[in-house]
Amino acid sequence: DYLASRIPMGRVGEPDEIARAAVFLASDDASFVNGIELFVDGGQAQV
């Protein structure tokens, strides 16, 4: 599919992959994380 071909990982992300990033940022594991841009896009922002 066209969209997947434009993403370096070769596929569109799944909803649970996006959710895991959001849950991480909301968790205590991210308590020392601040001021970042977390791209959950299969590398598309790097191209």
N, C-alpha and C. Protein backbone atom coordinates (compact mmCIF):
# COMPACT_ATOMS: atom_id res chain seq x y z
N ASP A 1 0.83 -1.19 0.00
CA ASP A 1 0.00 0.00 0.00
C ASP A 1 0.88 1.25 0.00
N TYR A 2 0.36 2.32 -0.54
CA TYR A 2 1.16 3.53 -0.75
C TYR A 2 1.70 4.08 0.55
N LEU A 3 0.87 4.21 1.57
CA LEU A 3 1.32 4.79 2.84
C LEU A 3 2.44 3.96 3.45
N ALA A 4 2.28 2.66 3.48
CA ALA A 4 3.31 1.79 4.06
C ALA A 4 4.63 1.91 3.30
N SER A 5 4.56 2.12 2.00
CA SER A 5 5.79 2.24 1.21
C SER A 5 6.55 3.52 1.51
N ARG A 6 5.91 4.50 2.12
CA ARG A 6 6.55 5.77 2.46
C ARG A 6 7.17 5.75 3.86
N ILE A 7 6.96 4.68 4.61
CA ILE A 7 7.46 4.55 5.98
C ILE A 7 8.68 3.63 5.96
N PRO A 8 9.81 4.06 6.54
CA PRO A 8 11.02 3.24 6.51
C PRO A 8 10.84 1.81 7.04
N MET A 9 9.99 1.61 8.02
CA MET A 9 9.77 0.26 8.54
C MET A 9 8.89 -0.58 7.61
N GLY A 10 8.32 0.05 6.58
CA GLY A 10 7.56 -0.66 5.58
C GLY A 10 6.15 -1.07 5.97
N ARG A 11 5.65 -0.48 7.04
CA ARG A 11 4.29 -0.79 7.47
C ARG A 11 3.73 0.36 8.27
N VAL A 12 2.42 0.38 8.40
CA VAL A 12 1.74 1.38 9.21
C VAL A 12 1.71 0.88 10.64
N GLY A 13 1.88 1.78 11.59
CA GLY A 13 1.86 1.39 13.00
C GLY A 13 0.49 0.92 13.46
N GLU A 14 0.53 0.05 14.44
CA GLU A 14 -0.70 -0.47 15.03
C GLU A 14 -1.12 0.42 16.21
N PRO A 15 -2.41 0.49 16.49
CA PRO A 15 -2.88 1.32 17.61
C PRO A 15 -2.21 0.99 18.93
N ASP A 16 -1.93 -0.29 19.18
CA ASP A 16 -1.29 -0.65 20.45
C ASP A 16 0.13 -0.13 20.54
N GLU A 17 0.80 0.08 19.41
CA GLU A 17 2.15 0.64 19.44
C GLU A 17 2.11 2.11 19.86
N ILE A 18 1.12 2.83 19.39
CA ILE A 18 0.93 4.22 19.80
C ILE A 18 0.56 4.26 21.29
N ALA A 19 -0.33 3.38 21.69
CA ALA A 19 -0.79 3.34 23.08
C ALA A 19 0.37 3.04 24.03
N ARG A 20 1.26 2.13 23.66
CA ARG A 20 2.39 1.80 24.54
C ARG A 20 3.30 2.99 24.77
N ALA A 21 3.48 3.82 23.75
CA ALA A 21 4.29 5.03 23.92
C ALA A 21 3.60 6.00 24.88
N ALA A 22 2.29 6.16 24.73
CA ALA A 22 1.54 7.05 25.61
C ALA A 22 1.55 6.54 27.04
N VAL A 23 1.37 5.24 27.22
CA VAL A 23 1.38 4.65 28.57
C VAL A 23 2.76 4.83 29.20
N PHE A 24 3.82 4.64 28.43
CA PHE A 24 5.17 4.86 28.96
C PHE A 24 5.32 6.28 29.48
N LEU A 25 4.91 7.27 28.68
CA LEU A 25 5.06 8.66 29.10
C LEU A 25 4.24 8.99 30.33
N ALA A 26 3.13 8.30 30.53
CA ALA A 26 2.28 8.53 31.69
C ALA A 26 2.72 7.72 32.91
N SER A 27 3.69 6.84 32.74
CA SER A 27 4.09 5.94 33.82
C SER A 27 5.24 6.53 34.65
N ASP A 28 5.49 5.88 35.77
CA ASP A 28 6.62 6.26 36.62
C ASP A 28 7.96 6.01 35.93
N ASP A 29 7.99 5.11 34.94
CA ASP A 29 9.23 4.84 34.20
C ASP A 29 9.72 6.08 33.46
N ALA A 30 8.83 7.01 33.18
CA ALA A 30 9.18 8.24 32.47
C ALA A 30 9.26 9.44 33.42
N SER A 31 9.42 9.18 34.70
CA SER A 31 9.38 10.27 35.68
C SER A 31 10.51 11.29 35.49
N PHE A 32 11.60 10.90 34.86
CA PHE A 32 12.72 11.82 34.66
C PHE A 32 12.79 12.33 33.22
N VAL A 33 11.79 11.99 32.42
CA VAL A 33 11.72 12.41 31.02
C VAL A 33 10.98 13.73 30.95
N ASN A 34 11.57 14.69 30.24
CA ASN A 34 10.88 15.97 30.04
C ASN A 34 11.39 16.64 28.78
N GLY A 35 10.52 17.42 28.17
CA GLY A 35 10.91 18.23 27.02
C GLY A 35 11.34 17.44 25.79
N ILE A 36 10.70 16.32 25.52
CA ILE A 36 11.08 15.54 24.34
C ILE A 36 9.96 15.54 23.31
N GLU A 37 10.34 15.21 22.10
CA GLU A 37 9.37 14.89 21.06
C GLU A 37 9.56 13.41 20.77
N LEU A 38 8.56 12.63 21.07
CA LEU A 38 8.64 11.19 20.87
C LEU A 38 7.87 10.84 19.60
N PHE A 39 8.60 10.52 18.55
CA PHE A 39 7.98 10.17 17.28
C PHE A 39 7.69 8.68 17.27
N VAL A 40 6.44 8.33 17.13
CA VAL A 40 6.03 6.93 17.03
C VAL A 40 5.46 6.76 15.62
N ASP A 41 6.38 6.78 14.65
CA ASP A 41 5.95 6.84 13.25
C ASP A 41 6.75 5.91 12.33
N GLY A 42 7.43 4.94 12.90
CA GLY A 42 8.17 3.99 12.07
C GLY A 42 9.35 4.60 11.34
N GLY A 43 9.84 5.73 11.81
CA GLY A 43 10.99 6.38 11.19
C GLY A 43 10.64 7.40 10.12
N GLN A 44 9.38 7.64 9.89
CA GLN A 44 8.97 8.55 8.81
C GLN A 44 9.48 9.97 9.03
N ALA A 45 9.54 10.43 10.27
CA ALA A 45 10.00 11.80 10.54
C ALA A 45 11.49 11.98 10.23
N GLN A 46 12.23 10.88 10.16
CA GLN A 46 13.67 10.95 9.93
C GLN A 46 14.03 11.02 8.45
N VAL A 47 13.05 10.82 7.60
CA VAL A 47 13.31 10.80 6.15
C VAL A 47 13.12 12.18 5.57
